[in-house]
Amino acid sequence: MKVKKGISPTVLSSISVKRVPISFHSNFNKHSSSTAASPKLLISPRRAGYVLFLLAVSVSLSIFRLNFPPSSPCSDNYPRPRSLNFMSPDWSSTTTTVGGSYSSEYFWKQPDGFGFRPCLNFSKEYREAATNAMFRTRKRYLLVVASGGLNQQKNQIVDAVVMARIMEAVLVLPVLQVNKVWGDESEFSDIFDERIFKETLREEVRVVSSLPASHLRRRPAAPPPLPMNMDEEWVRVNLMERLNKDGILILRGFDSRLSKDLHPDLQKLRCKVAFHALKFRPWIEGVGEKLAKRMGKGGPYMALHLRLEKDVWVRTGCLPGLGDEADRTIERERKAHPELLTSRSNMTPHDRYIAGLCPLNAFEISRLLKGLGASKRTRIYWAGGDPFGGNTALKPLVSSFPYMYNKWNLTRAGELDQFKHKPSILAAIDYIVCLKSHVFMANHGGNMARSLQGHRAYNGHQKYIMPNKRELVKLFVNKSLSEGEMEKEIKMIHANSLGSPLLRTDKRQRDVIAFPVPECMCSTKRNS
């Protein structure tokens, strides 16, 4: 059945939509196993050599006459893809350039930033209050335990600074909780630059490395249950009394509890922490810079936060489209751990897909990027963990964009071995390479995506593709569209989703770290 243009949501929801299935079993050896049984060539050696000679001359003349490069890169500067393990550049040469070339001008075109620039102008009242608070915080200490992955921990550290400022407390350097999934025992100072953190915030909040000797034997006060959407008044009324009484307050599990719609000065403080104070250790920055330079040799590159790991499919309530057995594996895992499903547990995987709540699979990512002007020679750095289904899951994407790299095949042998069991450090390296890319796209939101969205905006509104998955699904099931029509529609539905300034105040519950306009950025453009 062909679906006509302009499908209504009601009609769409009734259509049985299946993603393009990708074989979950490898057939790479099928051809090699049948080679022994192939018949012998019925041609003389002399004639065979003559034919091969003519063929080689013909190909060479075609290339030089048309002044076209070979369709498949073959020089040292353009390494050839190796199966589906992507490409490993030859780092023995200091001039090695990561393979790939240019896409359409549209794909690399940066959005209009409308003159917005970083602008953390705190009010006079805030400055005076901050100065006075420094003399009243000597005996009040706030301890925080940040949980989750690296970018989730960063969000909690930002809010911890804000809460310390509201309560006029000294902030003890945050503790990073060891997560059962991540298994990373890194401490704050293993990942972040402690000196920059303290110096950047010295006029806002006093930060110390540990509790003073006078407070070591005191038992920290436990806060009441923290509600969602806490504002400044709730913090002062419900937490400061305990802090004043005991001198120490410890906070755990406060991720996303603090209101996203605070006083403008506190919103500015959030930006100051996220974009200025929370810097990675210099050596981590160095590794990320090195990989970004390797990706950027010879032209622009795109960064893609893939988000196709097994836990993503389980948590989103969606199916990967890798065949029945793969879908059953995800469903079994989800039934065994129902607490992992993030929201809307009453929706079926089909309903979620139609509603645009699922990650795009490799085939859909490929169609989206082609529609936005990416070419076969576009260089792509993909961040994140290994996709569920391995190379098979990525085959449609790699077939369309063979110049795909990640941190492992972009480094020399052994360069990252010491970090194999340090996922937070690996996530930090991914973050740096993504931040410095010419174009960035997150397949399915998340803490890293929100942080990069705001950070790229704060750095000058660098291009950031926000997939409109609800509208994309309608296009993907519309079999009447030609390739040209598909590309036109994809460009149209993403015209306002490519990184142009979006006002946080349009939706009050938007996170200022993802939407730094207008609290943290000012426009230098004058209305004509």
Protein backbone atom coordinates (compact mmCIF):
# COMPACT_ATOMS: atom_id res chain seq x y z
CA MET A 1 0.00 0.00 0.00
CA LYS A 2 1.40 3.43 -0.93
CA VAL A 3 1.07 6.23 1.53
CA LYS A 4 0.21 9.59 0.06
CA LYS A 5 1.79 12.89 1.02
CA GLY A 6 0.33 14.73 3.99
CA ILE A 7 -0.36 11.66 6.12
CA SER A 8 -2.44 12.45 9.16
CA PRO A 9 -1.25 11.20 12.57
CA THR A 10 -4.39 9.06 12.88
CA VAL A 11 -3.79 7.30 9.59
CA LEU A 12 -0.08 6.99 10.30
CA SER A 13 -0.62 5.31 13.64
CA SER A 14 -2.74 2.62 11.98
CA ILE A 15 -0.10 1.71 9.44
CA SER A 16 2.08 -1.27 10.26
CA VAL A 17 5.49 0.35 10.12
CA LYS A 18 8.57 -1.83 10.07
CA ARG A 19 12.07 -0.54 9.83
CA VAL A 20 14.18 -1.84 6.97
CA PRO A 21 15.47 -5.15 8.38
CA ILE A 22 19.20 -5.68 8.50
CA SER A 23 20.42 -9.26 8.46
CA PHE A 24 21.70 -10.16 11.89
CA HIS A 25 23.96 -12.90 10.54
CA SER A 26 27.16 -12.26 8.62
CA ASN A 27 27.55 -13.72 5.14
CA PHE A 28 31.05 -12.42 4.62
CA ASN A 29 32.49 -15.91 4.04
CA LYS A 30 29.85 -17.11 1.60
CA HIS A 31 31.74 -15.91 -1.44
CA SER A 32 35.12 -17.22 -0.31
CA SER A 33 33.74 -20.66 0.49
CA SER A 34 32.40 -21.11 -3.03
CA THR A 35 35.55 -20.00 -4.78
CA ALA A 36 37.14 -23.44 -4.80
CA ALA A 37 34.26 -24.86 -6.77
CA SER A 38 34.37 -22.20 -9.49
CA PRO A 39 35.24 -23.44 -13.04
CA LYS A 40 38.71 -22.83 -14.55
CA LEU A 41 39.13 -19.96 -17.00
CA LEU A 42 38.85 -21.15 -20.64
CA ILE A 43 41.32 -18.62 -22.00
CA SER A 44 45.03 -18.80 -22.88
CA PRO A 45 47.56 -17.04 -20.61
CA ARG A 46 48.83 -14.87 -23.48
CA ARG A 47 45.32 -13.67 -24.37
CA ALA A 48 44.47 -13.13 -20.71
CA GLY A 49 47.53 -10.93 -20.23
CA TYR A 50 46.66 -8.94 -23.36
CA VAL A 51 43.09 -8.35 -22.14
CA LEU A 52 44.25 -7.26 -18.69
CA PHE A 53 46.78 -4.87 -20.23
CA LEU A 54 44.11 -3.20 -22.40
CA LEU A 55 41.75 -2.96 -19.44
CA ALA A 56 44.38 -1.26 -17.26
CA VAL A 57 45.26 1.25 -20.01
CA SER A 58 41.56 2.02 -20.57
CA VAL A 59 40.91 2.71 -16.87
CA SER A 60 44.01 4.90 -16.54
CA LEU A 61 43.10 6.97 -19.59
CA SER A 62 39.55 7.47 -18.31
CA ILE A 63 40.79 8.79 -14.99
CA PHE A 64 43.35 11.19 -16.41
CA ARG A 65 41.22 12.35 -19.33
CA LEU A 66 38.24 13.26 -17.17
CA ASN A 67 40.48 14.64 -14.42
CA PHE A 68 38.43 12.66 -11.86
CA PRO A 69 39.93 10.89 -8.85
CA PRO A 70 39.28 7.15 -8.58
CA SER A 71 35.82 6.46 -7.15
CA SER A 72 37.42 4.68 -4.21
CA PRO A 73 40.24 6.41 -2.32
CA CYS A 74 43.51 4.56 -2.67
CA SER A 75 46.39 6.84 -1.71
CA ASP A 76 48.07 7.03 1.70
CA ASN A 77 46.12 10.23 2.37
CA TYR A 78 42.80 8.48 1.71
CA PRO A 79 42.93 5.10 3.45
CA ARG A 80 40.72 2.38 1.99
CA PRO A 81 37.86 1.06 4.14
CA ARG A 82 38.62 -2.26 5.75
CA SER A 83 35.52 -4.42 5.92
CA LEU A 84 33.15 -2.90 8.48
CA ASN A 85 35.84 -2.21 11.04
CA PHE A 86 36.03 1.22 9.40
CA MET A 87 39.40 2.73 8.54
CA SER A 88 42.66 2.88 10.45
CA PRO A 89 44.81 5.68 9.05
CA ASP A 90 48.51 5.03 8.59
CA TRP A 91 49.97 7.00 11.49
CA SER A 92 53.54 6.11 10.47
CA SER A 93 53.40 9.16 8.20
CA THR A 94 53.30 12.59 9.80
CA THR A 95 51.35 13.94 6.84
CA THR A 96 48.52 11.43 6.97
CA THR A 97 45.14 12.98 6.23
CA VAL A 98 41.95 11.29 7.34
CA GLY A 99 40.10 10.07 4.25
CA GLY A 100 37.08 11.74 2.77
CA SER A 101 36.31 15.01 1.09
CA TYR A 102 33.59 17.60 0.81
CA SER A 103 29.82 17.49 0.89
CA SER A 104 27.47 20.08 -0.48
CA GLU A 105 27.90 23.68 0.64
CA TYR A 106 24.49 23.44 2.29
CA PHE A 107 25.68 20.68 4.61
CA TRP A 108 28.66 22.64 5.93
CA LYS A 109 26.94 26.04 5.99
CA GLN A 110 26.85 27.42 9.53
CA PRO A 111 23.63 28.88 10.98
CA ASP A 112 23.06 32.59 11.45
CA GLY A 113 23.90 33.35 15.07
CA PHE A 114 22.13 36.75 14.86
CA GLY A 115 25.05 38.39 16.64
CA PHE A 116 24.62 36.50 19.92
CA ARG A 117 27.76 36.22 22.04
CA PRO A 118 28.55 35.13 25.63
CA CYS A 119 27.34 37.80 28.04
CA LEU A 120 27.51 36.95 31.76
CA ASN A 121 26.68 40.36 33.18
CA PHE A 122 25.60 39.68 36.76
CA SER A 123 23.41 42.26 38.42
CA LYS A 124 24.77 44.70 41.02
CA GLU A 125 22.52 43.15 43.67
CA TYR A 126 23.91 39.68 42.94
CA ARG A 127 27.50 40.91 43.13
CA GLU A 128 26.92 42.65 46.47
CA ALA A 129 25.15 39.60 47.88
CA ALA A 130 27.97 37.32 46.70
CA THR A 131 30.59 39.51 48.37
CA ASN A 132 28.68 39.61 51.67
CA ALA A 133 28.04 35.86 51.55
CA MET A 134 31.76 35.12 51.44
CA PHE A 135 32.02 36.34 55.04
CA ARG A 136 29.09 34.22 56.22
CA THR A 137 29.96 30.85 54.71
CA ARG A 138 32.96 29.93 56.86
CA LYS A 139 31.06 27.43 59.02
CA ARG A 140 28.59 25.97 56.51
CA TYR A 141 29.71 23.21 54.17
CA LEU A 142 27.82 21.50 51.35
CA LEU A 143 28.81 17.96 50.33
CA VAL A 144 27.42 16.55 47.09
CA VAL A 145 27.61 13.09 45.53
CA ALA A 146 27.15 13.17 41.75
CA SER A 147 25.86 9.98 40.13
CA GLY A 148 25.46 8.59 36.62
CA GLY A 149 27.68 9.00 33.59
CA LEU A 150 30.07 11.90 32.98
CA ASN A 151 27.60 14.37 31.47
CA GLN A 152 24.94 13.57 34.05
CA GLN A 153 27.53 14.23 36.74
CA LYS A 154 28.45 17.54 35.10
CA ASN A 155 24.81 18.65 35.32
CA GLN A 156 24.72 17.82 39.03
CA ILE A 157 27.98 19.67 39.67
CA VAL A 158 26.51 22.75 37.99
CA ASP A 159 23.43 22.60 40.21
CA ALA A 160 25.56 21.92 43.29
CA VAL A 161 27.39 25.21 42.76
CA VAL A 162 24.06 27.02 42.35
CA MET A 163 22.66 25.45 45.53
CA ALA A 164 25.80 26.38 47.46
CA ARG A 165 25.34 29.95 46.25
CA ILE A 166 21.67 30.01 47.32
CA MET A 167 22.52 28.63 50.79
CA GLU A 168 25.67 30.75 51.15
CA ALA A 169 27.68 27.59 51.85
CA VAL A 170 31.22 26.47 51.14
CA LEU A 171 31.20 23.77 48.46
CA VAL A 172 33.40 20.75 49.10
CA LEU A 173 34.79 19.37 45.86
CA PRO A 174 32.03 17.05 44.52
CA VAL A 175 32.36 13.29 44.94
CA LEU A 176 31.79 11.22 41.78
CA GLN A 177 29.84 8.11 42.71
CA VAL A 178 31.00 4.83 41.22
CA ASN A 179 28.20 3.66 38.93
CA LYS A 180 27.47 -0.06 38.58
CA VAL A 181 27.03 0.29 34.82
CA TRP A 182 29.97 2.60 34.14
CA GLY A 183 32.31 1.04 36.70
CA ASP A 184 34.57 4.11 36.72
CA GLU A 185 36.31 5.01 39.98
CA SER A 186 37.69 8.32 38.71
CA GLU A 187 37.55 11.24 41.14
CA PHE A 188 36.77 14.87 40.35
CA SER A 189 40.43 15.83 40.04
CA ASP A 190 41.14 12.87 37.74
CA ILE A 191 38.84 14.35 35.10
CA PHE A 192 38.39 18.07 35.77
CA ASP A 193 40.94 20.83 36.31
CA GLU A 194 40.52 21.55 40.03
CA ARG A 195 42.55 24.77 39.95
CA ILE A 196 40.46 26.32 37.16
CA PHE A 197 37.26 25.21 38.86
CA LYS A 198 38.17 26.99 42.10
CA GLU A 199 39.63 30.11 40.52
CA THR A 200 36.75 30.62 38.08
CA LEU A 201 34.19 30.46 40.88
CA ARG A 202 36.12 32.38 43.54
CA GLU A 203 33.77 35.39 43.30
CA GLU A 204 30.65 33.20 43.36
CA VAL A 205 31.21 30.28 45.72
CA ARG A 206 34.11 29.25 47.89
CA VAL A 207 35.30 25.74 46.91
CA VAL A 208 37.55 23.56 49.09
CA SER A 209 39.12 20.17 48.43
CA SER A 210 37.98 18.63 51.73
CA LEU A 211 36.29 19.39 55.00
CA PRO A 212 38.39 21.23 57.60
CA ALA A 213 39.61 19.31 60.65
CA SER A 214 37.00 21.06 62.82
CA HIS A 215 34.19 19.41 60.83
CA LEU A 216 35.60 15.95 60.15
CA ARG A 217 33.89 14.30 63.13
CA ARG A 218 30.55 15.95 62.60
CA ARG A 219 27.75 13.91 61.14
CA PRO A 220 26.35 15.56 57.99
CA ALA A 221 22.67 16.43 58.07
CA ALA A 222 20.45 14.43 55.76
CA PRO A 223 18.00 16.55 53.78
CA PRO A 224 14.28 15.84 53.46
CA PRO A 225 13.15 14.14 50.24
CA LEU A 226 13.98 16.49 47.41
CA PRO A 227 11.00 17.28 45.17
CA MET A 228 11.21 17.94 41.47
CA ASN A 229 11.42 21.56 40.37
CA MET A 230 12.91 23.01 43.58
CA ASP A 231 13.20 26.80 43.44
CA GLU A 232 15.38 29.18 45.49
CA GLU A 233 12.70 29.69 48.14
CA TRP A 234 12.25 25.95 48.74
CA VAL A 235 16.02 25.50 49.11
CA ARG A 236 16.29 28.32 51.64
CA VAL A 237 13.28 27.24 53.69
CA ASN A 238 13.91 23.49 53.75
CA LEU A 239 17.68 23.09 53.58
CA MET A 240 19.33 26.13 55.15
CA GLU A 241 17.89 25.48 58.63
CA ARG A 242 19.51 22.04 58.74
CA LEU A 243 22.73 23.43 57.32
CA ASN A 244 22.84 26.19 59.95
CA LYS A 245 22.19 23.68 62.75
CA ASP A 246 24.70 20.98 61.79
CA GLY A 247 27.21 22.91 59.71
CA ILE A 248 27.35 20.17 57.06
CA LEU A 249 24.70 19.10 54.57
CA ILE A 250 25.12 16.18 52.21
CA LEU A 251 23.08 15.86 49.00
CA ARG A 252 22.64 12.72 46.92
CA GLY A 253 20.36 11.86 44.06
CA PHE A 254 19.46 15.44 43.16
CA ASP A 255 19.84 15.07 39.39
CA SER A 256 17.35 17.39 37.62
CA ARG A 257 15.68 18.30 40.92
CA LEU A 258 16.56 21.98 40.85
CA SER A 259 14.18 24.14 38.82
CA LYS A 260 15.27 25.02 35.29
CA ASP A 261 13.64 28.43 35.66
CA LEU A 262 15.64 30.23 38.33
CA HIS A 263 16.52 33.91 38.79
CA PRO A 264 18.48 35.24 35.74
CA ASP A 265 21.66 35.68 37.84
CA LEU A 266 21.54 32.03 38.91
CA GLN A 267 21.01 31.00 35.28
CA LYS A 268 24.14 32.96 34.39
CA LEU A 269 25.95 31.14 37.17
CA ARG A 270 24.92 27.83 35.64
CA CYS A 271 26.50 28.89 32.34
CA LYS A 272 29.64 30.08 34.07
CA VAL A 273 30.09 26.71 35.73
CA ALA A 274 29.27 24.64 32.65
CA PHE A 275 31.20 26.60 30.03
CA HIS A 276 34.04 28.18 32.03
CA ALA A 277 34.69 26.40 35.33
CA LEU A 278 34.25 22.75 34.36
CA LYS A 279 37.33 22.24 32.19
CA PHE A 280 38.86 18.83 31.65
CA ARG A 281 42.37 18.10 32.84
CA PRO A 282 44.97 19.54 30.39
CA TRP A 283 46.19 16.11 29.30
CA ILE A 284 42.60 15.01 28.52
CA GLU A 285 42.08 18.21 26.53
CA GLY A 286 45.33 17.38 24.72
CA VAL A 287 44.15 13.92 23.66
CA GLY A 288 40.83 15.33 22.43
CA GLU A 289 42.56 18.16 20.56
CA LYS A 290 44.88 15.67 18.88
CA LEU A 291 42.00 13.54 17.60
CA ALA A 292 40.09 16.63 16.46
CA LYS A 293 43.14 17.76 14.46
CA ARG A 294 43.44 14.34 12.84
CA MET A 295 39.79 14.46 11.86
CA GLY A 296 40.12 18.04 10.58
CA LYS A 297 43.14 17.51 8.34
CA GLY A 298 42.12 18.25 4.79
CA GLY A 299 38.71 19.74 5.47
CA PRO A 300 35.68 19.87 7.77
CA TYR A 301 34.28 16.86 9.61
CA MET A 302 31.00 15.91 11.20
CA ALA A 303 30.56 14.40 14.68
CA LEU A 304 27.71 12.01 15.38
CA HIS A 305 26.61 10.83 18.83
CA LEU A 306 25.40 7.44 17.69
CA ARG A 307 23.40 6.17 20.71
CA LEU A 308 22.70 2.68 19.39
CA GLU A 309 23.96 0.78 22.44
CA LYS A 310 21.92 -2.07 23.89
CA ASP A 311 20.93 -0.12 27.01
CA VAL A 312 19.57 2.72 24.85
CA TRP A 313 17.16 0.37 23.07
CA VAL A 314 16.12 -1.13 26.42
CA ARG A 315 15.57 2.22 28.13
CA THR A 316 13.68 3.86 25.26
CA GLY A 317 11.23 0.98 24.84
CA CYS A 318 12.09 0.77 21.14
CA LEU A 319 13.28 -2.01 18.82
CA PRO A 320 16.50 -1.81 16.79
CA GLY A 321 15.15 -3.31 13.55
CA LEU A 322 17.95 -5.86 13.28
CA GLY A 323 15.67 -8.85 12.82
CA ASP A 324 13.34 -10.90 15.01
CA GLU A 325 16.03 -12.46 17.20
CA ALA A 326 17.62 -9.08 18.01
CA ASP A 327 14.21 -7.59 18.81
CA ARG A 328 13.42 -10.54 21.10
CA THR A 329 16.73 -10.01 22.92
CA ILE A 330 15.85 -6.40 23.66
CA GLU A 331 12.31 -7.30 24.74
CA ARG A 332 13.61 -9.99 27.12
CA GLU A 333 16.08 -7.53 28.65
CA ARG A 334 13.34 -4.94 29.08
CA LYS A 335 10.99 -7.41 30.79
CA ALA A 336 13.81 -8.49 33.10
CA HIS A 337 14.52 -4.87 34.07
CA PRO A 338 11.26 -2.89 33.81
CA GLU A 339 12.74 -0.14 36.00
CA LEU A 340 15.07 0.82 33.13
CA LEU A 341 12.23 2.01 30.90
CA THR A 342 12.47 5.77 31.18
CA SER A 343 8.86 6.86 30.53
CA ARG A 344 5.45 6.09 29.03
CA SER A 345 5.57 2.39 29.81
CA ASN A 346 2.07 1.89 28.35
CA MET A 347 3.24 2.63 24.79
CA THR A 348 4.23 -0.16 22.41
CA PRO A 349 7.50 0.01 20.47
CA HIS A 350 5.44 0.74 17.34
CA ASP A 351 3.64 3.65 19.03
CA ARG A 352 6.93 5.05 20.25
CA TYR A 353 8.43 4.87 16.79
CA ILE A 354 5.46 6.64 15.21
CA ALA A 355 5.62 9.34 17.91
CA GLY A 356 9.29 10.01 17.10
CA LEU A 357 10.48 8.76 20.50
CA CYS A 358 12.95 6.18 19.19
CA PRO A 359 16.58 6.52 18.12
CA LEU A 360 17.12 6.48 14.37
CA ASN A 361 18.79 3.27 13.23
CA ALA A 362 21.77 3.28 10.88
CA PHE A 363 19.64 3.19 7.73
CA GLU A 364 17.53 6.14 8.89
CA ILE A 365 20.56 8.17 9.95
CA SER A 366 22.00 7.60 6.49
CA ARG A 367 18.83 8.84 4.78
CA LEU A 368 18.70 11.92 6.99
CA LEU A 369 22.33 12.89 6.35
CA LYS A 370 21.95 12.39 2.59
CA GLY A 371 18.85 14.57 2.66
CA LEU A 372 20.81 17.32 4.41
CA GLY A 373 23.53 17.25 1.77
CA ALA A 374 26.20 14.92 3.16
CA SER A 375 28.14 13.06 0.46
CA LYS A 376 29.76 9.64 0.38
CA ARG A 377 33.11 11.27 1.13
CA THR A 378 31.95 13.12 4.24
CA ARG A 379 34.20 12.37 7.18
CA ILE A 380 32.25 11.36 10.28
CA TYR A 381 33.51 10.93 13.84
CA TRP A 382 31.07 8.81 15.79
CA ALA A 383 30.99 9.02 19.59
CA GLY A 384 29.57 6.64 22.13
CA GLY A 385 29.73 2.95 22.96
CA ASP A 386 29.59 -0.04 20.65
CA PRO A 387 26.21 -0.37 18.92
CA PHE A 388 23.98 -3.33 19.67
CA GLY A 389 24.48 -5.72 16.77
CA GLY A 390 28.06 -4.61 16.15
CA ASN A 391 29.18 -4.06 12.57
CA THR A 392 25.93 -5.46 11.20
CA ALA A 393 23.97 -2.67 12.88
CA LEU A 394 26.18 -0.02 11.26
CA LYS A 395 26.41 -1.59 7.80
CA PRO A 396 23.82 0.69 6.10
CA LEU A 397 25.54 3.78 7.51
CA VAL A 398 29.07 2.68 6.64
CA SER A 399 27.97 1.70 3.13
CA SER A 400 26.75 5.25 2.54
CA PHE A 401 29.53 6.99 4.48
CA PRO A 402 32.67 4.82 4.46
CA TYR A 403 34.85 7.48 6.07
CA MET A 404 33.66 6.82 9.61
CA TYR A 405 36.02 6.97 12.56
CA ASN A 406 35.85 6.74 16.31
CA LYS A 407 38.43 7.25 19.04
CA TRP A 408 39.76 3.70 18.67
CA ASN A 409 40.58 3.59 14.98
CA LEU A 410 41.69 7.23 14.96
CA THR A 411 44.53 6.51 17.37
CA ARG A 412 47.75 4.58 17.11
CA ALA A 413 47.93 1.11 18.62
CA GLY A 414 48.05 1.35 22.40
CA GLU A 415 47.37 5.11 22.58
CA LEU A 416 44.13 4.68 24.53
CA ASP A 417 44.77 1.31 26.18
CA GLN A 418 45.19 2.85 29.64
CA PHE A 419 41.66 4.29 29.42
CA LYS A 420 39.80 1.15 28.38
CA HIS A 421 38.29 0.86 31.85
CA LYS A 422 37.83 4.60 32.34
CA PRO A 423 34.55 5.36 30.54
CA SER A 424 34.34 8.86 32.00
CA ILE A 425 37.69 9.81 30.48
CA LEU A 426 36.68 8.24 27.16
CA ALA A 427 33.41 10.20 27.28
CA ALA A 428 35.41 13.39 27.91
CA ILE A 429 37.55 12.71 24.83
CA ASP A 430 34.41 12.15 22.74
CA TYR A 431 32.97 15.40 24.06
CA ILE A 432 36.02 17.41 23.00
CA VAL A 433 36.11 15.98 19.46
CA CYS A 434 32.36 16.57 19.07
CA LEU A 435 32.60 20.13 20.39
CA LYS A 436 35.29 20.99 17.83
CA SER A 437 33.49 19.45 14.84
CA HIS A 438 32.11 21.60 12.03
CA VAL A 439 28.71 19.86 12.23
CA PHE A 440 27.28 17.86 15.12
CA MET A 441 24.24 15.64 15.39
CA ALA A 442 22.94 13.64 18.34
CA ASN A 443 20.85 10.69 17.25
CA HIS A 444 18.72 10.57 20.38
CA GLY A 445 19.16 13.40 22.86
CA GLY A 446 20.60 12.68 26.30
CA ASN A 447 22.83 14.60 28.71
CA MET A 448 25.79 14.79 26.35
CA ALA A 449 23.59 16.04 23.52
CA ARG A 450 22.02 18.80 25.65
CA SER A 451 25.40 19.89 26.97
CA LEU A 452 26.93 20.02 23.48
CA GLN A 453 23.91 21.84 22.10
CA GLY A 454 24.37 24.66 24.58
CA HIS A 455 28.16 24.64 24.45
CA ARG A 456 28.20 24.92 20.64
CA ALA A 457 25.64 27.73 20.86
CA TYR A 458 27.75 29.49 23.48
CA ASN A 459 30.82 29.15 21.23
CA GLY A 460 29.07 30.95 18.39
CA HIS A 461 26.12 28.82 17.32
CA GLN A 462 28.08 26.14 15.50
CA LYS A 463 25.91 23.89 13.37
CA TYR A 464 23.92 21.40 15.41
CA ILE A 465 21.41 19.09 13.69
CA MET A 466 18.33 18.25 15.77
CA PRO A 467 16.53 15.36 14.02
CA ASN A 468 12.78 15.91 13.79
CA LYS A 469 12.03 12.23 14.21
CA ARG A 470 8.25 12.52 14.28
CA GLU A 471 8.25 14.14 10.84
CA LEU A 472 11.03 11.89 9.54
CA VAL A 473 8.96 8.78 10.29
CA LYS A 474 6.17 10.16 8.09
CA LEU A 475 8.68 10.58 5.26
CA PHE A 476 10.23 7.15 5.73
CA VAL A 477 6.88 5.35 5.40
CA ASN A 478 5.81 7.44 2.40
CA LYS A 479 6.78 5.17 -0.51
CA SER A 480 5.49 7.63 -3.11
CA LEU A 481 8.33 10.09 -2.57
CA SER A 482 11.22 10.14 -5.03
CA GLU A 483 14.78 10.62 -3.76
CA GLY A 484 14.69 14.25 -4.83
CA GLU A 485 11.37 14.86 -3.08
CA MET A 486 12.66 13.11 0.03
CA GLU A 487 15.73 15.36 0.20
CA LYS A 488 13.61 18.46 -0.33
CA GLU A 489 11.24 17.45 2.47
CA ILE A 490 14.11 16.62 4.86
CA LYS A 491 15.69 20.02 4.29
CA MET A 492 12.35 21.76 4.79
CA ILE A 493 11.47 20.09 8.12
CA HIS A 494 14.96 20.83 9.49
CA ALA A 495 15.22 24.44 8.29
CA ASN A 496 14.90 25.69 11.88
CA SER A 497 16.70 22.77 13.54
CA LEU A 498 20.30 23.36 12.49
CA GLY A 499 21.70 25.35 15.41
CA SER A 500 20.22 28.84 15.05
CA PRO A 501 19.54 30.65 18.35
CA LEU A 502 16.51 29.34 20.22
CA LEU A 503 15.18 31.33 23.16
CA ARG A 504 15.00 29.36 26.40
CA THR A 505 12.17 31.61 27.53
CA ASP A 506 9.93 30.29 24.76
CA LYS A 507 9.57 27.17 26.91
CA ARG A 508 10.16 27.84 30.59
CA GLN A 509 11.30 24.33 31.42
CA ARG A 510 14.14 24.39 28.90
CA ASP A 511 17.56 23.90 30.45
CA VAL A 512 19.74 27.00 30.21
CA ILE A 513 22.78 24.76 29.64
CA ALA A 514 21.18 23.62 26.39
CA PHE A 515 19.53 26.98 25.59
CA PRO A 516 21.85 29.77 26.80
CA VAL A 517 19.86 32.53 25.04
CA PRO A 518 18.85 35.01 26.43
CA GLU A 519 20.23 34.75 29.99
CA CYS A 520 23.83 33.91 29.05
CA MET A 521 24.18 35.49 25.60
CA CYS A 522 23.53 38.99 24.23
CA SER A 523 22.94 40.02 20.63
CA THR A 524 25.26 42.59 19.08
CA LYS A 525 23.01 43.02 16.04
CA ARG A 526 20.89 46.14 15.93
CA ASN A 527 17.42 46.08 14.48
CA SER A 528 17.42 47.88 11.17
